Amino acid sequence: MISWERTESPLWLLSYDIPNARRLQKVAKVATYYGIRWQKSVYGLSLSDQKLQSLIQELQEVLDDRTDDVRIFYVPEGTLLGRSERAFLSGLVIG
């Protein structure tokens, strides 16, 4: 089960599928700077709007739009993470 406490900043879930090893490492490095790694390509983030925009900008500098897939989902307050309940998340697709 994932344990994650609410902060003043909104919670986000980032996941990616990057086929190129060099870009994959760069994306992982950026994601690790902004959040906590939950799985190999899934991160939990607690970001203000300004930090979210910075993250998106950094990712766009690394990604190849033709092959890479990065998704960032807003985690609504009250969402139970790591439980059997289903959460419906709205998200951004980058790349």
PDB file of N, CA and C in Angstrom:
ATOM      1  N   MET A   1       0.842  -1.177   0.000  1.00  0.00           N
ATOM      2  CA  MET A   1       0.000   0.000   0.000  1.00  0.00           C
ATOM      3  C   MET A   1       0.889   1.243   0.000  1.00  0.00           C
ATOM      4  N   ILE A   2       0.486   2.246  -0.737  1.00  0.00           N
ATOM      5  CA  ILE A   2       1.214   3.498  -0.822  1.00  0.00           C
ATOM      6  C   ILE A   2       0.718   4.425   0.273  1.00  0.00           C
ATOM      7  N   SER A   3       1.637   4.962   1.046  1.00  0.00           N
ATOM      8  CA  SER A   3       1.284   5.914   2.080  1.00  0.00           C
ATOM      9  C   SER A   3       1.759   7.288   1.645  1.00  0.00           C
ATOM     10  N   TRP A   4       0.860   8.239   1.621  1.00  0.00           N
ATOM     11  CA  TRP A   4       1.206   9.557   1.125  1.00  0.00           C
ATOM     12  C   TRP A   4       0.354  10.583   1.832  1.00  0.00           C
ATOM     13  N   GLU A   5       0.976  11.489   2.551  1.00  0.00           N
ATOM     14  CA  GLU A   5       0.239  12.490   3.294  1.00  0.00           C
ATOM     15  C   GLU A   5      -0.045  13.712   2.434  1.00  0.00           C
ATOM     16  N   ARG A   6      -1.187  14.310   2.655  1.00  0.00           N
ATOM     17  CA  ARG A   6      -1.548  15.537   1.946  1.00  0.00           C
ATOM     18  C   ARG A   6      -0.668  16.689   2.425  1.00  0.00           C
ATOM     19  N   THR A   7      -0.335  17.551   1.513  1.00  0.00           N
ATOM     20  CA  THR A   7       0.384  18.772   1.837  1.00  0.00           C
ATOM     21  C   THR A   7      -0.467  19.935   1.354  1.00  0.00           C
ATOM     22  N   GLU A   8       0.066  21.130   1.448  1.00  0.00           N
ATOM     23  CA  GLU A   8      -0.674  22.284   0.943  1.00  0.00           C
ATOM     24  C   GLU A   8      -0.735  22.286  -0.576  1.00  0.00           C
ATOM     25  N   SER A   9       0.233  21.663  -1.223  1.00  0.00           N
ATOM     26  CA  SER A   9       0.261  21.605  -2.683  1.00  0.00           C
ATOM     27  C   SER A   9      -0.570  20.428  -3.179  1.00  0.00           C
ATOM     28  N   PRO A  10      -1.160  20.563  -4.373  1.00  0.00           N
ATOM     29  CA  PRO A  10      -1.934  19.461  -4.955  1.00  0.00           C
ATOM     30  C   PRO A  10      -1.058  18.228  -5.192  1.00  0.00           C
ATOM     31  N   LEU A  11      -1.682  17.069  -5.141  1.00  0.00           N
ATOM     32  CA  LEU A  11      -0.986  15.814  -5.404  1.00  0.00           C
ATOM     33  C   LEU A  11      -1.177  15.413  -6.861  1.00  0.00           C
ATOM     34  N   TRP A  12      -0.113  14.865  -7.446  1.00  0.00           N
ATOM     35  CA  TRP A  12      -0.095  14.451  -8.842  1.00  0.00           C
ATOM     36  C   TRP A  12       0.549  13.079  -8.944  1.00  0.00           C
ATOM     37  N   LEU A  13       0.173  12.331  -9.953  1.00  0.00           N
ATOM     38  CA  LEU A  13       0.759  11.031 -10.264  1.00  0.00           C
ATOM     39  C   LEU A  13       1.360  11.137 -11.654  1.00  0.00           C
ATOM     40  N   LEU A  14       2.641  10.826 -11.782  1.00  0.00           N
ATOM     41  CA  LEU A  14       3.333  10.892 -13.070  1.00  0.00           C
ATOM     42  C   LEU A  14       3.722   9.481 -13.485  1.00  0.00           C
ATOM     43  N   SER A  15       3.447   9.146 -14.735  1.00  0.00           N
ATOM     44  CA  SER A  15       3.896   7.859 -15.282  1.00  0.00           C
ATOM     45  C   SER A  15       4.442   8.096 -16.678  1.00  0.00           C
ATOM     46  N   TYR A  16       5.334   7.210 -17.106  1.00  0.00           N
ATOM     47  CA  TYR A  16       5.923   7.388 -18.425  1.00  0.00           C
ATOM     48  C   TYR A  16       6.288   6.065 -19.062  1.00  0.00           C
ATOM     49  N   ASP A  17       6.397   6.102 -20.384  1.00  0.00           N
ATOM     50  CA  ASP A  17       6.886   4.988 -21.197  1.00  0.00           C
ATOM     51  C   ASP A  17       7.833   5.608 -22.218  1.00  0.00           C
ATOM     52  N   ILE A  18       9.120   5.402 -22.020  1.00  0.00           N
ATOM     53  CA  ILE A  18      10.152   6.004 -22.855  1.00  0.00           C
ATOM     54  C   ILE A  18      11.014   4.876 -23.436  1.00  0.00           C
ATOM     55  N   PRO A  19      10.985   4.639 -24.751  1.00  0.00           N
ATOM     56  CA  PRO A  19      11.739   3.520 -25.325  1.00  0.00           C
ATOM     57  C   PRO A  19      13.251   3.742 -25.424  1.00  0.00           C
ATOM     58  N   ASN A  20      13.705   4.987 -25.425  1.00  0.00           N
ATOM     59  CA  ASN A  20      15.124   5.293 -25.567  1.00  0.00           C
ATOM     60  C   ASN A  20      15.777   5.363 -24.183  1.00  0.00           C
ATOM     61  N   ALA A  21      16.832   4.583 -23.969  1.00  0.00           N
ATOM     62  CA  ALA A  21      17.467   4.480 -22.651  1.00  0.00           C
ATOM     63  C   ALA A  21      18.023   5.816 -22.150  1.00  0.00           C
ATOM     64  N   ARG A  22      18.627   6.582 -23.019  1.00  0.00           N
ATOM     65  CA  ARG A  22      19.210   7.872 -22.605  1.00  0.00           C
ATOM     66  C   ARG A  22      18.115   8.846 -22.156  1.00  0.00           C
ATOM     67  N   ARG A  23      17.040   8.956 -22.948  1.00  0.00           N
ATOM     68  CA  ARG A  23      15.936   9.845 -22.561  1.00  0.00           C
ATOM     69  C   ARG A  23      15.225   9.321 -21.316  1.00  0.00           C
ATOM     70  N   LEU A  24      15.110   8.010 -21.204  1.00  0.00           N
ATOM     71  CA  LEU A  24      14.490   7.399 -20.030  1.00  0.00           C
ATOM     72  C   LEU A  24      15.226   7.820 -18.763  1.00  0.00           C
ATOM     73  N   GLN A  25      16.551   7.774 -18.789  1.00  0.00           N
ATOM     74  CA  GLN A  25      17.346   8.180 -17.625  1.00  0.00           C
ATOM     75  C   GLN A  25      17.148   9.660 -17.312  1.00  0.00           C
ATOM     76  N   LYS A  26      17.069  10.483 -18.347  1.00  0.00           N
ATOM     77  CA  LYS A  26      16.868  11.920 -18.138  1.00  0.00           C
ATOM     78  C   LYS A  26      15.497  12.197 -17.526  1.00  0.00           C
ATOM     79  N   VAL A  27      14.471  11.532 -18.049  1.00  0.00           N
ATOM     80  CA  VAL A  27      13.114  11.715 -17.518  1.00  0.00           C
ATOM     81  C   VAL A  27      13.053  11.231 -16.070  1.00  0.00           C
ATOM     82  N   ALA A  28      13.670  10.094 -15.781  1.00  0.00           N
ATOM     83  CA  ALA A  28      13.693   9.566 -14.410  1.00  0.00           C
ATOM     84  C   ALA A  28      14.390  10.541 -13.464  1.00  0.00           C
ATOM     85  N   LYS A  29      15.468  11.149 -13.921  1.00  0.00           N
ATOM     86  CA  LYS A  29      16.195  12.116 -13.095  1.00  0.00           C
ATOM     87  C   LYS A  29      15.324  13.342 -12.787  1.00  0.00           C
ATOM     88  N   VAL A  30      14.629  13.846 -13.807  1.00  0.00           N
ATOM     89  CA  VAL A  30      13.736  14.994 -13.609  1.00  0.00           C
ATOM     90  C   VAL A  30      12.605  14.608 -12.649  1.00  0.00           C
ATOM     91  N   ALA A  31      11.973  13.461 -12.875  1.00  0.00           N
ATOM     92  CA  ALA A  31      10.856  13.023 -12.041  1.00  0.00           C
ATOM     93  C   ALA A  31      11.291  12.815 -10.593  1.00  0.00           C
ATOM     94  N   THR A  32      12.492  12.269 -10.394  1.00  0.00           N
ATOM     95  CA  THR A  32      13.010  12.038  -9.045  1.00  0.00           C
ATOM     96  C   THR A  32      13.258  13.358  -8.325  1.00  0.00           C
ATOM     97  N   TYR A  33      13.674  14.368  -9.063  1.00  0.00           N
ATOM     98  CA  TYR A  33      13.888  15.693  -8.459  1.00  0.00           C
ATOM     99  C   TYR A  33      12.573  16.255  -7.906  1.00  0.00           C
ATOM    100  N   TYR A  34      11.480  16.035  -8.625  1.00  0.00           N
ATOM    101  CA  TYR A  34      10.192  16.623  -8.251  1.00  0.00           C
ATOM    102  C   TYR A  34       9.328  15.731  -7.362  1.00  0.00           C
ATOM    103  N   GLY A  35       9.606  14.438  -7.305  1.00  0.00           N
ATOM    104  CA  GLY A  35       8.696  13.566  -6.572  1.00  0.00           C
ATOM    105  C   GLY A  35       9.349  12.327  -6.002  1.00  0.00           C
ATOM    106  N   ILE A  36       8.501  11.409  -5.598  1.00  0.00           N
ATOM    107  CA  ILE A  36       8.914  10.155  -4.974  1.00  0.00           C
ATOM    108  C   ILE A  36       8.605   9.008  -5.922  1.00  0.00           C
ATOM    109  N   ARG A  37       9.604   8.178  -6.169  1.00  0.00           N
ATOM    110  CA  ARG A  37       9.412   7.039  -7.070  1.00  0.00           C
ATOM    111  C   ARG A  37       8.633   5.940  -6.350  1.00  0.00           C
ATOM    112  N   TRP A  38       7.529   5.503  -6.973  1.00  0.00           N
ATOM    113  CA  TRP A  38       6.727   4.421  -6.429  1.00  0.00           C
ATOM    114  C   TRP A  38       7.027   3.108  -7.144  1.00  0.00           C
ATOM    115  N   GLN A  39       7.230   3.187  -8.428  1.00  0.00           N
ATOM    116  CA  GLN A  39       7.606   2.037  -9.245  1.00  0.00           C
ATOM    117  C   GLN A  39       8.616   2.541 -10.264  1.00  0.00           C
ATOM    118  N   LYS A  40       9.072   1.672 -11.162  1.00  0.00           N
ATOM    119  CA  LYS A  40      10.100   2.088 -12.115  1.00  0.00           C
ATOM    120  C   LYS A  40       9.710   3.307 -12.925  1.00  0.00           C
ATOM    121  N   SER A  41       8.473   3.428 -13.313  1.00  0.00           N
ATOM    122  CA  SER A  41       8.062   4.564 -14.142  1.00  0.00           C
ATOM    123  C   SER A  41       6.833   5.286 -13.588  1.00  0.00           C
ATOM    124  N   VAL A  42       6.660   5.252 -12.275  1.00  0.00           N
ATOM    125  CA  VAL A  42       5.517   5.902 -11.631  1.00  0.00           C
ATOM    126  C   VAL A  42       6.015   6.690 -10.417  1.00  0.00           C
ATOM    127  N   TYR A  43       5.604   7.960 -10.359  1.00  0.00           N
ATOM    128  CA  TYR A  43       6.050   8.848  -9.291  1.00  0.00           C
ATOM    129  C   TYR A  43       4.873   9.556  -8.650  1.00  0.00           C
ATOM    130  N   GLY A  44       4.977   9.813  -7.365  1.00  0.00           N
ATOM    131  CA  GLY A  44       4.037  10.655  -6.655  1.00  0.00           C
ATOM    132  C   GLY A  44       4.644  12.034  -6.498  1.00  0.00           C
ATOM    133  N   LEU A  45       3.863  13.070  -6.761  1.00  0.00           N
ATOM    134  CA  LEU A  45       4.353  14.439  -6.732  1.00  0.00           C
ATOM    135  C   LEU A  45       3.433  15.319  -5.907  1.00  0.00           C
ATOM    136  N   SER A  46       4.001  16.221  -5.143  1.00  0.00           N
ATOM    137  CA  SER A  46       3.237  17.237  -4.428  1.00  0.00           C
ATOM    138  C   SER A  46       3.764  18.567  -4.935  1.00  0.00           C
ATOM    139  N   LEU A  47       3.014  19.186  -5.866  1.00  0.00           N
ATOM    140  CA  LEU A  47       3.541  20.347  -6.592  1.00  0.00           C
ATOM    141  C   LEU A  47       2.565  21.510  -6.629  1.00  0.00           C
ATOM    142  N   SER A  48       3.106  22.696  -6.441  1.00  0.00           N
ATOM    143  CA  SER A  48       2.331  23.910  -6.682  1.00  0.00           C
ATOM    144  C   SER A  48       2.146  24.048  -8.193  1.00  0.00           C
ATOM    145  N   ASP A  49       1.287  24.954  -8.613  1.00  0.00           N
ATOM    146  CA  ASP A  49       1.086  25.181 -10.049  1.00  0.00           C
ATOM    147  C   ASP A  49       2.388  25.594 -10.730  1.00  0.00           C
ATOM    148  N   GLN A  50       3.166  26.434 -10.051  1.00  0.00           N
ATOM    149  CA  GLN A  50       4.434  26.900 -10.613  1.00  0.00           C
ATOM    150  C   GLN A  50       5.420  25.742 -10.783  1.00  0.00           C
ATOM    151  N   LYS A  51       5.519  24.877  -9.782  1.00  0.00           N
ATOM    152  CA  LYS A  51       6.420  23.716  -9.872  1.00  0.00           C
ATOM    153  C   LYS A  51       5.946  22.746 -10.947  1.00  0.00           C
ATOM    154  N   LEU A  52       4.631  22.575 -11.076  1.00  0.00           N
ATOM    155  CA  LEU A  52       4.096  21.703 -12.111  1.00  0.00           C
ATOM    156  C   LEU A  52       4.491  22.224 -13.490  1.00  0.00           C
ATOM    157  N   GLN A  53       4.368  23.516 -13.702  1.00  0.00           N
ATOM    158  CA  GLN A  53       4.750  24.092 -14.994  1.00  0.00           C
ATOM    159  C   GLN A  53       6.245  23.928 -15.254  1.00  0.00           C
ATOM    160  N   SER A  54       7.064  24.063 -14.224  1.00  0.00           N
ATOM    161  CA  SER A  54       8.512  23.851 -14.369  1.00  0.00           C
ATOM    162  C   SER A  54       8.805  22.408 -14.754  1.00  0.00           C
ATOM    163  N   LEU A  55       8.125  21.473 -14.103  1.00  0.00           N
ATOM    164  CA  LEU A  55       8.294  20.053 -14.428  1.00  0.00           C
ATOM    165  C   LEU A  55       7.935  19.782 -15.881  1.00  0.00           C
ATOM    166  N   ILE A  56       6.788  20.283 -16.319  1.00  0.00           N
ATOM    167  CA  ILE A  56       6.339  20.071 -17.694  1.00  0.00           C
ATOM    168  C   ILE A  56       7.350  20.651 -18.683  1.00  0.00           C
ATOM    169  N   GLN A  57       7.847  21.829 -18.400  1.00  0.00           N
ATOM    170  CA  GLN A  57       8.827  22.465 -19.285  1.00  0.00           C
ATOM    171  C   GLN A  57      10.107  21.624 -19.365  1.00  0.00           C
ATOM    172  N   GLU A  58      10.591  21.143 -18.237  1.00  0.00           N
ATOM    173  CA  GLU A  58      11.805  20.315 -18.239  1.00  0.00           C
ATOM    174  C   GLU A  58      11.585  19.020 -19.013  1.00  0.00           C
ATOM    175  N   LEU A  59      10.424  18.411 -18.842  1.00  0.00           N
ATOM    176  CA  LEU A  59      10.137  17.170 -19.563  1.00  0.00           C
ATOM    177  C   LEU A  59      10.053  17.411 -21.065  1.00  0.00           C
ATOM    178  N   GLN A  60       9.426  18.491 -21.472  1.00  0.00           N
ATOM    179  CA  GLN A  60       9.285  18.789 -22.897  1.00  0.00           C
ATOM    180  C   GLN A  60      10.637  18.993 -23.573  1.00  0.00           C
ATOM    181  N   GLU A  61      11.627  19.464 -22.820  1.00  0.00           N
ATOM    182  CA  GLU A  61      12.969  19.647 -23.370  1.00  0.00           C
ATOM    183  C   GLU A  61      13.665  18.321 -23.648  1.00  0.00           C
ATOM    184  N   VAL A  62      13.236  17.265 -22.977  1.00  0.00           N
ATOM    185  CA  VAL A  62      13.878  15.949 -23.087  1.00  0.00           C
ATOM    186  C   VAL A  62      13.133  15.012 -24.039  1.00  0.00           C
ATOM    187  N   LEU A  63      11.814  15.124 -24.096  1.00  0.00           N
ATOM    188  CA  LEU A  63      10.980  14.123 -24.774  1.00  0.00           C
ATOM    189  C   LEU A  63      11.011  14.205 -26.298  1.00  0.00           C
ATOM    190  N   ASP A  64      10.783  13.047 -26.906  1.00  0.00           N
ATOM    191  CA  ASP A  64      10.569  12.934 -28.348  1.00  0.00           C
ATOM    192  C   ASP A  64       9.067  12.686 -28.532  1.00  0.00           C
ATOM    193  N   ASP A  65       8.372  13.657 -29.115  1.00  0.00           N
ATOM    194  CA  ASP A  65       6.912  13.576 -29.271  1.00  0.00           C
ATOM    195  C   ASP A  65       6.451  12.345 -30.047  1.00  0.00           C
ATOM    196  N   ARG A  66       7.303  11.828 -30.908  1.00  0.00           N
ATOM    197  CA  ARG A  66       6.903  10.705 -31.766  1.00  0.00           C
ATOM    198  C   ARG A  66       6.880   9.368 -31.033  1.00  0.00           C
ATOM    199  N   THR A  67       7.696   9.224 -29.988  1.00  0.00           N
ATOM    200  CA  THR A  67       7.826   7.903 -29.367  1.00  0.00           C
ATOM    201  C   THR A  67       7.572   7.883 -27.870  1.00  0.00           C
ATOM    202  N   ASP A  68       7.733   9.013 -27.193  1.00  0.00           N
ATOM    203  CA  ASP A  68       7.660   9.020 -25.732  1.00  0.00           C
ATOM    204  C   ASP A  68       6.254   9.351 -25.244  1.00  0.00           C
ATOM    205  N   ASP A  69       5.908   8.787 -24.097  1.00  0.00           N
ATOM    206  CA  ASP A  69       4.589   8.996 -23.516  1.00  0.00           C
ATOM    207  C   ASP A  69       4.764   9.314 -22.034  1.00  0.00           C
ATOM    208  N   VAL A  70       4.365  10.509 -21.639  1.00  0.00           N
ATOM    209  CA  VAL A  70       4.382  10.911 -20.236  1.00  0.00           C
ATOM    210  C   VAL A  70       2.985  11.394 -19.889  1.00  0.00           C
ATOM    211  N   ARG A  71       2.489  10.934 -18.757  1.00  0.00           N
ATOM    212  CA  ARG A  71       1.153  11.338 -18.307  1.00  0.00           C
ATOM    213  C   ARG A  71       1.236  11.803 -16.863  1.00  0.00           C
ATOM    214  N   ILE A  72       0.549  12.911 -16.590  1.00  0.00           N
ATOM    215  CA  ILE A  72       0.499  13.455 -15.242  1.00  0.00           C
ATOM    216  C   ILE A  72      -0.973  13.562 -14.857  1.00  0.00           C
ATOM    217  N   PHE A  73      -1.330  12.917 -13.747  1.00  0.00           N
ATOM    218  CA  PHE A  73      -2.717  12.876 -13.301  1.00  0.00           C
ATOM    219  C   PHE A  73      -2.868  13.626 -11.983  1.00  0.00           C
ATOM    220  N   TYR A  74      -3.891  14.449 -11.915  1.00  0.00           N
ATOM    221  CA  TYR A  74      -4.241  15.110 -10.656  1.00  0.00           C
ATOM    222  C   TYR A  74      -4.897  14.083  -9.744  1.00  0.00           C
ATOM    223  N   VAL A  75      -4.507  14.064  -8.489  1.00  0.00           N
ATOM    224  CA  VAL A  75      -5.093  13.146  -7.509  1.00  0.00           C
ATOM    225  C   VAL A  75      -6.029  13.969  -6.621  1.00  0.00           C
ATOM    226  N   PRO A  76      -7.349  13.839  -6.816  1.00  0.00           N
ATOM    227  CA  PRO A  76      -8.298  14.646  -6.045  1.00  0.00           C
ATOM    228  C   PRO A  76      -8.208  14.362  -4.547  1.00  0.00           C
ATOM    229  N   GLU A  77      -8.480  15.380  -3.766  1.00  0.00           N
ATOM    230  CA  GLU A  77      -8.486  15.204  -2.319  1.00  0.00           C
ATOM    231  C   GLU A  77      -9.517  14.137  -1.953  1.00  0.00           C
ATOM    232  N   GLY A  78      -9.164  13.294  -1.014  1.00  0.00           N
ATOM    233  CA  GLY A  78     -10.043  12.209  -0.598  1.00  0.00           C
ATOM    234  C   GLY A  78      -9.803  10.909  -1.342  1.00  0.00           C
ATOM    235  N   THR A  79      -8.947  10.928  -2.364  1.00  0.00           N
ATOM    236  CA  THR A  79      -8.628   9.711  -3.105  1.00  0.00           C
ATOM    237  C   THR A  79      -7.798   8.789  -2.223  1.00  0.00           C
ATOM    238  N   LEU A  80      -8.194   7.539  -2.145  1.00  0.00           N
ATOM    239  CA  LEU A  80      -7.443   6.561  -1.373  1.00  0.00           C
ATOM    240  C   LEU A  80      -6.455   5.876  -2.299  1.00  0.00           C
ATOM    241  N   LEU A  81      -5.186   6.016  -2.015  1.00  0.00           N
ATOM    242  CA  LEU A  81      -4.152   5.410  -2.847  1.00  0.00           C
ATOM    243  C   LEU A  81      -3.716   4.088  -2.230  1.00  0.00           C
ATOM    244  N   GLY A  82      -3.536   3.090  -3.075  1.00  0.00           N
ATOM    245  CA  GLY A  82      -3.078   1.797  -2.601  1.00  0.00           C
ATOM    246  C   GLY A  82      -4.178   0.916  -2.054  1.00  0.00           C
ATOM    247  N   ARG A  83      -5.406   1.263  -2.315  1.00  0.00           N
ATOM    248  CA  ARG A  83      -6.543   0.466  -1.857  1.00  0.00           C
ATOM    249  C   ARG A  83      -7.294  -0.074  -3.068  1.00  0.00           C
ATOM    250  N   SER A  84      -8.294  -0.881  -2.802  1.00  0.00           N
ATOM    251  CA  SER A  84      -9.020  -1.504  -3.901  1.00  0.00           C
ATOM    252  C   SER A  84     -10.044  -0.571  -4.548  1.00  0.00           C
ATOM    253  N   GLU A  85     -10.375   0.550  -3.888  1.00  0.00           N
ATOM    254  CA  GLU A  85     -11.330   1.485  -4.483  1.00  0.00           C
ATOM    255  C   GLU A  85     -10.749   2.076  -5.764  1.00  0.00           C
ATOM    256  N   ARG A  86     -11.586   2.298  -6.743  1.00  0.00           N
ATOM    257  CA  ARG A  86     -11.118   2.902  -7.992  1.00  0.00           C
ATOM    258  C   ARG A  86     -11.153   4.418  -7.866  1.00  0.00           C
ATOM    259  N   ALA A  87     -10.117   5.055  -8.382  1.00  0.00           N
ATOM    260  CA  ALA A  87     -10.068   6.509  -8.407  1.00  0.00           C
ATOM    261  C   ALA A  87     -10.117   6.960  -9.861  1.00  0.00           C
ATOM    262  N   PHE A  88     -10.896   7.967 -10.121  1.00  0.00           N
ATOM    263  CA  PHE A  88     -10.958   8.517 -11.464  1.00  0.00           C
ATOM    264  C   PHE A  88     -10.132   9.791 -11.470  1.00  0.00           C
ATOM    265  N   LEU A  89      -9.062   9.775 -12.228  1.00  0.00           N
ATOM    266  CA  LEU A  89      -8.119  10.882 -12.250  1.00  0.00           C
ATOM    267  C   LEU A  89      -8.179  11.585 -13.584  1.00  0.00           C
ATOM    268  N   SER A  90      -8.117  12.906 -13.556  1.00  0.00           N
ATOM    269  CA  SER A  90      -8.004  13.658 -14.802  1.00  0.00           C
ATOM    270  C   SER A  90      -6.535  13.962 -15.016  1.00  0.00           C
ATOM    271  N   GLY A  91      -6.087  13.967 -16.263  1.00  0.00           N
ATOM    272  CA  GLY A  91      -4.659  14.089 -16.462  1.00  0.00           C
ATOM    273  C   GLY A  91      -4.226  14.894 -17.655  1.00  0.00           C
ATOM    274  N   LEU A  92      -2.925  15.069 -17.739  1.00  0.00           N
ATOM    275  CA  LEU A  92      -2.253  15.737 -18.847  1.00  0.00           C
ATOM    276  C   LEU A  92      -1.423  14.713 -19.588  1.00  0.00           C
ATOM    277  N   VAL A  93      -1.365  14.810 -20.901  1.00  0.00           N
ATOM    278  CA  VAL A  93      -0.497  13.958 -21.678  1.00  0.00           C
ATOM    279  C   VAL A  93       0.593  14.846 -22.270  1.00  0.00           C
ATOM    280  N   ILE A  94       1.844  14.484 -22.013  1.00  0.00           N
ATOM    281  CA  ILE A  94       2.967  15.266 -22.500  1.00  0.00           C
ATOM    282  C   ILE A  94       3.745  14.378 -23.459  1.00  0.00           C
ATOM    283  N   GLY A  95       4.008  14.886 -24.638  1.00  0.00           N
ATOM    284  CA  GLY A  95       4.790  14.100 -25.587  1.00  0.00           C
ATOM    285  C   GLY A  95       3.936  13.399 -26.598  1.00  0.00           C
TER     286      GLY A  95
END
